[in-house]
N, C-alpha and C. Protein backbone atom coordinates (compact mmCIF):
# COMPACT_ATOMS: atom_id res chain seq x y z
N MET A 1 14.63 10.80 9.89
CA MET A 1 13.13 10.90 9.07
C MET A 1 12.20 9.70 9.39
N LYS A 2 11.53 10.28 9.15
CA LYS A 2 9.10 10.15 9.42
C LYS A 2 9.26 9.21 8.76
N SER A 3 8.25 7.92 9.19
CA SER A 3 7.85 6.61 8.05
C SER A 3 6.63 7.70 7.89
N LEU A 4 6.22 6.91 5.71
CA LEU A 4 5.03 6.51 6.14
C LEU A 4 3.65 7.22 6.79
N ALA A 5 3.90 6.86 7.74
CA ALA A 5 2.64 6.88 8.73
C ALA A 5 2.14 7.60 9.66
N GLU A 6 4.25 8.65 9.36
CA GLU A 6 4.66 9.40 11.03
C GLU A 6 4.09 10.32 10.12
N PHE A 7 4.36 10.56 8.80
CA PHE A 7 4.14 11.52 8.13
C PHE A 7 2.80 11.56 7.74
N LEU A 8 1.30 10.35 7.62
CA LEU A 8 0.53 10.72 7.29
C LEU A 8 -1.02 11.32 9.14
N GLN A 9 -0.02 11.09 9.45
CA GLN A 9 -0.74 11.11 10.86
C GLN A 9 -0.74 12.32 11.35
N GLU A 10 0.66 12.77 11.13
CA GLU A 10 0.68 14.49 10.78
C GLU A 10 -0.41 15.44 10.36
N LYS A 11 0.29 15.05 9.22
CA LYS A 11 -0.75 15.52 7.73
C LYS A 11 -1.91 15.94 8.13
N MET A 12 -2.37 14.27 8.50
CA MET A 12 -4.21 14.36 9.54
C MET A 12 -4.29 15.21 10.72
N GLU A 13 -4.14 15.67 11.04
CA GLU A 13 -3.91 16.38 12.12
C GLU A 13 -4.22 18.15 12.31
N LYS A 14 -3.09 18.47 11.53
CA LYS A 14 -3.16 19.50 11.23
C LYS A 14 -4.00 19.53 9.73
N ALA A 15 -4.62 18.59 9.41
CA ALA A 15 -6.03 19.03 8.32
C ALA A 15 -6.78 19.61 9.23
N GLY A 16 -7.45 18.57 10.43
CA GLY A 16 -8.06 18.22 11.19
C GLY A 16 -9.16 17.46 10.81
N LEU A 17 -8.20 15.88 10.23
CA LEU A 17 -9.10 15.36 9.54
C LEU A 17 -8.58 14.19 10.63
N SER A 18 -10.21 13.12 10.46
CA SER A 18 -9.39 11.95 11.23
C SER A 18 -9.72 10.50 9.86
N ILE A 19 -9.00 9.18 10.31
CA ILE A 19 -8.68 8.45 9.22
C ILE A 19 -10.54 8.61 8.64
N THR A 20 -11.04 8.43 8.73
CA THR A 20 -12.74 8.34 8.38
C THR A 20 -12.33 9.17 7.31
N GLY A 21 -12.19 10.92 7.79
CA GLY A 21 -12.83 11.52 7.11
C GLY A 21 -11.93 12.44 5.90
N LEU A 22 -10.58 11.57 5.93
CA LEU A 22 -9.70 11.37 5.79
C LEU A 22 -10.27 10.39 4.02
N SER A 23 -10.63 9.34 4.80
CA SER A 23 -10.90 8.37 4.09
C SER A 23 -11.72 8.71 2.19
N LYS A 24 -12.41 9.24 2.82
CA LYS A 24 -14.38 10.33 2.71
C LYS A 24 -13.76 11.23 1.24
N LYS A 25 -12.30 11.87 1.98
CA LYS A 25 -12.76 12.82 1.09
C LYS A 25 -11.44 12.65 0.10
N SER A 26 -10.37 12.32 0.12
CA SER A 26 -9.20 11.45 -0.75
C SER A 26 -10.16 10.33 -1.35
N ASN A 27 -11.67 9.72 -1.09
CA ASN A 27 -11.94 8.15 -2.18
C ASN A 27 -11.16 6.51 -1.91
N ILE A 28 -10.23 7.23 -1.06
CA ILE A 28 -10.04 6.26 -0.53
C ILE A 28 -10.04 5.34 0.17
N GLU A 29 -9.82 3.35 -0.32
CA GLU A 29 -10.53 3.22 0.84
C GLU A 29 -10.50 3.11 2.48
N LEU A 30 -11.02 2.82 3.03
CA LEU A 30 -10.95 2.95 5.11
C LEU A 30 -9.78 1.85 5.40
N ASP A 31 -9.36 0.91 4.90
CA ASP A 31 -8.24 -0.56 5.35
C ASP A 31 -7.67 -0.32 4.82
N VAL A 32 -7.97 0.82 3.67
CA VAL A 32 -6.23 0.74 2.59
C VAL A 32 -5.47 1.85 3.56
N LEU A 33 -6.56 3.56 3.22
CA LEU A 33 -5.30 3.55 4.90
C LEU A 33 -5.46 3.62 6.10
N GLU A 34 -6.49 2.63 7.19
CA GLU A 34 -5.64 1.57 8.71
C GLU A 34 -4.44 0.94 7.98
N ASP A 35 -3.88 0.64 6.72
CA ASP A 35 -2.93 0.17 6.86
C ASP A 35 -1.82 1.05 6.70
N LEU A 36 -1.81 1.79 6.44
CA LEU A 36 -0.93 2.86 5.88
C LEU A 36 0.09 3.68 7.40
N ILE A 37 -1.99 4.22 7.74
CA ILE A 37 -1.53 4.91 9.49
C ILE A 37 -0.64 3.58 10.33
N SER A 38 -1.14 2.13 9.72
CA SER A 38 -0.60 1.21 11.23
C SER A 38 0.60 0.90 10.67
N GLY A 39 0.92 1.20 8.64
CA GLY A 39 3.15 0.64 8.89
C GLY A 39 2.76 -0.77 8.31
N LYS A 40 1.99 -0.78 8.23
CA LYS A 40 1.61 -2.32 7.39
C LYS A 40 1.60 -2.26 6.30
N GLU A 41 1.27 -1.63 5.37
CA GLU A 41 1.63 -0.86 4.28
C GLU A 41 2.60 0.22 3.84
N LEU A 42 3.67 0.56 2.99
CA LEU A 42 5.03 1.08 2.26
C LEU A 42 4.55 2.49 1.76
N PHE A 43 3.32 2.06 0.83
CA PHE A 43 4.38 2.87 -0.65
C PHE A 43 2.60 2.82 -0.98
N LEU A 44 2.45 3.82 -2.35
CA LEU A 44 1.66 3.92 -2.27
C LEU A 44 0.90 3.52 -3.93
N SER A 45 0.49 3.64 -4.02
CA SER A 45 -0.33 3.77 -5.69
C SER A 45 -0.17 5.32 -5.86
N VAL A 46 -0.04 5.26 -7.79
CA VAL A 46 0.63 6.87 -8.18
C VAL A 46 -0.88 8.24 -7.64
N THR A 47 -2.63 7.20 -8.33
CA THR A 47 -3.55 7.75 -7.53
C THR A 47 -4.05 8.06 -6.10
N GLN A 48 -3.41 7.55 -5.33
CA GLN A 48 -3.54 6.86 -3.76
C GLN A 48 -2.44 8.01 -3.27
N ARG A 49 -1.33 8.40 -4.24
CA ARG A 49 -0.43 9.22 -4.22
C ARG A 49 -0.49 10.60 -4.13
N GLN A 50 -1.87 10.65 -5.11
CA GLN A 50 -2.21 12.03 -5.73
C GLN A 50 -3.52 12.74 -4.99
N GLN A 51 -4.02 11.37 -4.48
CA GLN A 51 -5.12 11.99 -4.14
C GLN A 51 -4.58 12.20 -2.47
N LEU A 52 -3.94 11.44 -2.06
CA LEU A 52 -4.13 12.32 -0.47
C LEU A 52 -3.25 13.64 -0.34
N ALA A 53 -2.13 13.49 -2.04
CA ALA A 53 -1.51 15.29 -1.86
C ALA A 53 -2.30 16.00 -1.70
N LYS A 54 -3.53 15.51 -2.38
CA LYS A 54 -4.97 16.99 -2.20
C LYS A 54 -5.14 17.25 -1.68
N VAL A 55 -6.23 15.85 -0.66
CA VAL A 55 -6.77 16.26 0.60
C VAL A 55 -5.60 17.25 1.26
N LEU A 56 -4.22 16.66 1.28
CA LEU A 56 -3.41 17.38 2.64
C LEU A 56 -3.15 17.89 2.53
N LYS A 57 -3.18 19.08 1.57
CA LYS A 57 -2.44 20.39 1.35
C LYS A 57 -0.60 19.67 1.48
N CYS A 58 -0.40 18.75 0.50
CA CYS A 58 1.11 18.77 0.68
C CYS A 58 1.77 18.32 -1.07
N SER A 59 3.05 18.72 -1.06
CA SER A 59 3.46 17.33 -2.83
C SER A 59 3.56 15.98 -3.04
N ILE A 60 2.84 15.54 -3.55
CA ILE A 60 3.10 13.83 -3.92
C ILE A 60 4.96 14.11 -4.61
N ASN A 61 6.20 14.15 -4.04
CA ASN A 61 7.17 14.43 -3.85
C ASN A 61 7.57 13.48 -2.33
N GLU A 62 6.22 15.35 -1.84
CA GLU A 62 6.88 14.68 -0.52
C GLU A 62 6.02 13.89 0.50
N ILE A 63 5.37 13.27 -0.24
CA ILE A 63 3.93 11.82 0.18
C ILE A 63 5.90 10.84 -0.19
N LYS A 64 6.11 11.21 -1.36
CA LYS A 64 7.36 9.69 -1.52
C LYS A 64 7.97 10.06 -1.43
N GLU A 65 9.02 10.90 -0.27
CA GLU A 65 9.49 10.83 0.19
C GLU A 65 9.75 9.73 1.86
N HIS A 66 8.90 10.26 1.43
CA HIS A 66 8.35 9.54 2.61
C HIS A 66 8.08 7.03 2.79
N GLU A 67 7.92 7.28 1.66
CA GLU A 67 7.47 5.11 1.61
C GLU A 67 8.81 5.32 1.81
N LYS A 68 8.27 3.31 1.96
CA LYS A 68 9.75 2.66 1.57
C LYS A 68 9.47 1.97 0.18
N THR A 69 10.40 2.27 -0.12
CA THR A 69 11.42 0.60 -1.69
C THR A 69 11.69 -0.19 -0.47
N TYR A 70 11.72 -1.85 -1.65
CA TYR A 70 12.90 -2.36 -1.15
C TYR A 70 13.12 -3.38 -3.11
N VAL A 71 14.36 -2.80 -2.90
CA VAL A 71 14.81 -4.42 -3.80
C VAL A 71 14.97 -6.14 -3.65
N PHE A 72 14.20 -6.50 -4.45
CA PHE A 72 14.25 -8.19 -4.09
C PHE A 72 14.78 -8.81 -4.51
N ASP A 73 16.32 -8.49 -5.18
CA ASP A 73 16.88 -8.96 -6.05
C ASP A 73 16.68 -10.49 -6.35
N ASP A 74 16.72 -11.24 -4.86
CA ASP A 74 16.67 -12.68 -5.14
C ASP A 74 15.60 -13.53 -5.18
N VAL A 75 14.41 -12.66 -6.26
CA VAL A 75 13.49 -12.93 -6.02
C VAL A 75 13.23 -12.95 -7.27
N SER A 76 12.94 -13.81 -8.63
CA SER A 76 12.59 -13.59 -9.51
C SER A 76 11.09 -13.68 -9.98
N PRO A 77 10.98 -12.93 -11.51
CA PRO A 77 10.33 -12.11 -11.67
C PRO A 77 9.40 -13.35 -11.35
N GLU A 78 9.01 -13.91 -11.92
CA GLU A 78 7.66 -15.22 -12.52
C GLU A 78 7.78 -15.50 -11.25
N THR A 79 8.54 -16.18 -9.79
CA THR A 79 7.94 -16.17 -8.47
C THR A 79 6.71 -15.45 -7.88
N ILE A 80 7.41 -13.52 -8.19
CA ILE A 80 6.16 -12.74 -7.96
C ILE A 80 5.18 -12.50 -9.40
N SER A 81 5.17 -12.82 -10.63
CA SER A 81 4.13 -13.09 -10.87
C SER A 81 3.29 -14.43 -10.67
N GLU A 82 3.64 -15.39 -10.19
CA GLU A 82 2.63 -16.82 -9.94
C GLU A 82 2.60 -16.09 -8.64
N LEU A 83 3.09 -15.01 -7.43
CA LEU A 83 2.48 -14.91 -6.64
C LEU A 83 1.48 -14.41 -6.48
N LYS A 84 1.12 -13.19 -8.11
CA LYS A 84 0.19 -12.36 -8.43
C LYS A 84 -0.72 -13.19 -8.16
N LYS A 85 -0.56 -14.12 -9.35
CA LYS A 85 -1.74 -14.90 -9.40
C LYS A 85 -2.23 -15.57 -9.10
N GLN A 86 -2.10 -16.34 -8.38
CA GLN A 86 -2.66 -16.85 -6.92
C GLN A 86 -3.69 -15.79 -6.29
N ILE A 87 -3.08 -15.10 -5.84
CA ILE A 87 -3.45 -13.88 -4.63
C ILE A 87 -4.82 -13.37 -5.48
N LEU A 88 -4.88 -13.15 -6.81
CA LEU A 88 -5.52 -12.46 -7.70
C LEU A 88 -6.78 -13.78 -6.97
N ASN A 89 -6.23 -14.31 -7.23
CA ASN A 89 -7.03 -16.13 -7.43
C ASN A 89 -8.10 -17.00 -6.17
N ARG A 90 -7.22 -16.08 -5.10
CA ARG A 90 -7.48 -15.90 -3.67
C ARG A 90 -7.71 -17.61 -3.16
N ALA A 91 -5.91 -17.67 -2.42
CA ALA A 91 -4.66 -18.99 -2.67
C ALA A 91 -5.02 -18.01 -1.23
N THR A 92 -4.97 -19.37 -0.17
CA THR A 92 -4.37 -18.84 1.23
C THR A 92 -2.92 -20.03 1.42
N ASN A 93 -2.94 -19.64 2.33
CA ASN A 93 -1.64 -20.40 2.94
C ASN A 93 0.16 -19.95 2.54
N LEU A 94 -0.41 -18.92 1.43
CA LEU A 94 1.03 -18.33 0.57
C LEU A 94 1.94 -18.25 1.76
N LYS A 95 3.45 -18.42 1.31
CA LYS A 95 4.88 -18.42 1.60
C LYS A 95 5.44 -17.45 1.18
N CYS A 96 6.38 -16.83 2.48
CA CYS A 96 7.30 -15.80 1.45
C CYS A 96 8.27 -16.95 1.39
N PRO A 97 8.63 -16.12 0.10
CA PRO A 97 9.40 -16.51 -1.08
C PRO A 97 11.40 -15.94 -0.70
N ILE A 98 10.83 -15.16 0.73
CA ILE A 98 12.55 -15.52 1.25
C ILE A 98 13.13 -16.10 2.58
N CYS A 99 11.77 -16.11 3.08
CA CYS A 99 11.75 -16.66 4.46
C CYS A 99 10.34 -17.74 4.79
N GLY A 100 9.83 -18.15 4.58
CA GLY A 100 9.20 -18.90 4.30
C GLY A 100 7.94 -19.07 4.62
N GLU A 101 8.06 -17.77 5.82
CA GLU A 101 6.64 -17.35 7.02
C GLU A 101 5.79 -17.12 5.57
N PRO A 102 4.67 -16.97 6.32
CA PRO A 102 3.08 -17.02 6.00
C PRO A 102 3.40 -14.76 5.23
N LEU A 103 2.05 -15.09 4.25
CA LEU A 103 2.51 -13.80 3.95
C LEU A 103 0.81 -13.89 3.96
N ILE A 104 0.66 -12.05 4.57
CA ILE A 104 -0.20 -11.30 4.43
C ILE A 104 -0.92 -11.04 3.58
N THR A 105 -2.39 -11.36 2.82
CA THR A 105 -2.16 -11.21 1.13
C THR A 105 -3.60 -10.31 1.30
N ARG A 106 -4.11 -9.59 0.64
CA ARG A 106 -5.52 -8.21 -0.10
C ARG A 106 -5.30 -8.35 -1.58
N ILE A 107 -6.37 -7.85 -1.94
CA ILE A 107 -6.49 -7.30 -2.99
C ILE A 107 -6.75 -5.97 -3.14
N ALA A 108 -6.03 -5.20 -3.68
CA ALA A 108 -6.51 -3.24 -3.64
C ALA A 108 -8.09 -3.05 -4.49
N LYS A 109 -8.90 -2.77 -4.45
CA LYS A 109 -9.69 -1.82 -5.70
C LYS A 109 -8.88 -0.48 -5.72
N ASN A 110 -8.36 -0.31 -7.12
CA ASN A 110 -8.17 1.22 -7.92
C ASN A 110 -8.92 1.53 -8.45
N TYR A 111 -8.87 2.60 -8.62
CA TYR A 111 -9.91 3.20 -10.13
C TYR A 111 -9.19 3.58 -11.60
N ASP A 112 -9.05 3.65 -12.30
CA ASP A 112 -7.99 4.34 -13.09
C ASP A 112 -9.21 5.53 -13.13
N LEU A 113 -8.53 6.56 -14.20
CA LEU A 113 -8.80 7.73 -14.34
C LEU A 113 -10.30 7.52 -15.56
N ASP A 114 -10.56 6.99 -15.56
CA ASP A 114 -12.04 6.62 -16.69
C ASP A 114 -12.96 5.41 -15.54
N ASP A 115 -12.34 5.67 -14.45
CA ASP A 115 -13.41 4.57 -13.40
C ASP A 115 -12.93 3.45 -13.70
N ASN A 116 -12.82 2.87 -14.48
CA ASN A 116 -12.29 1.54 -14.25
C ASN A 116 -11.89 0.46 -13.43
N LEU A 117 -12.38 0.08 -12.69
CA LEU A 117 -12.05 -0.96 -11.35
C LEU A 117 -10.91 -1.83 -12.31
N ILE A 118 -9.26 -1.67 -11.21
CA ILE A 118 -8.14 -2.15 -11.47
C ILE A 118 -8.10 -3.37 -10.01
N LEU A 119 -8.28 -4.52 -9.81
CA LEU A 119 -7.75 -5.40 -8.76
C LEU A 119 -6.32 -5.49 -8.72
N LYS A 120 -5.73 -5.10 -7.68
CA LYS A 120 -4.16 -5.28 -7.75
C LYS A 120 -3.73 -5.99 -6.40
N PRO A 121 -3.04 -6.57 -6.84
CA PRO A 121 -2.63 -8.39 -5.49
C PRO A 121 -1.38 -7.37 -4.64
N LYS A 122 -1.50 -7.94 -3.12
CA LYS A 122 -0.76 -7.28 -2.00
C LYS A 122 -1.01 -7.74 -1.91
N ALA A 123 0.81 -8.03 -0.86
CA ALA A 123 1.08 -9.67 0.21
C ALA A 123 2.05 -8.53 1.41
N HIS A 124 2.57 -9.03 2.00
CA HIS A 124 3.88 -8.35 2.96
C HIS A 124 4.00 -10.34 3.54
N CYS A 125 4.67 -9.95 3.77
CA CYS A 125 5.37 -10.95 4.96
C CYS A 125 4.86 -10.70 6.39
N VAL A 126 5.72 -11.86 7.22
CA VAL A 126 4.86 -11.83 8.72
C VAL A 126 6.42 -11.26 9.58
N LYS A 127 6.97 -11.99 8.64
CA LYS A 127 8.64 -12.20 9.63
C LYS A 127 9.40 -10.57 9.15
N CYS A 128 9.73 -11.20 7.76
CA CYS A 128 10.82 -10.09 6.70
C CYS A 128 9.93 -8.83 6.39
N VAL A 129 11.47 -8.22 5.42
CA VAL A 129 10.85 -6.95 4.43
C VAL A 129 9.30 -6.75 3.24
N PHE A 130 9.48 -8.41 2.85
CA PHE A 130 9.28 -8.90 1.35
C PHE A 130 7.85 -8.23 0.83
N GLN A 131 7.75 -7.44 0.31
CA GLN A 131 6.47 -7.38 -0.13
C GLN A 131 5.84 -7.76 -1.76
N ILE A 132 4.56 -7.14 -2.06
CA ILE A 132 4.02 -7.11 -2.54
C ILE A 132 3.16 -5.86 -3.03
N LYS A 133 3.63 -5.39 -4.33
CA LYS A 133 2.81 -4.24 -4.05
C LYS A 133 2.66 -2.58 -5.13
N ASP A 134 2.10 -4.31 -5.92
CA ASP A 134 2.15 -3.84 -7.24
C ASP A 134 0.92 -5.10 -8.11
């Protein structure tokens, strides 16, 4: 099965779109798309999935099939919640709760259907599969 990055690249080629063109047509920030295409991000928000499906002329489920999801049973919801708060407060040097390696963090800017800005904390570990995706 293709990765999400491979799937998106293939669809972009078929649509004749560059990553910049896809960003403009889908109204998804360029850095978010770059992370998806490079494989740093493995999943999309519902809104992003809908926007990409419309521009790339495919189904939402087709995109969703290529996303990876992991369940981190050994990390408590409280730990995840605390990490999210720290990311939103722009904390630095955060460590992965699974392996202790550094977390790469960012704050994604999404918009709801009423164009209200929603800030979403994101993180992924430099070593293991740990990610914060909402």
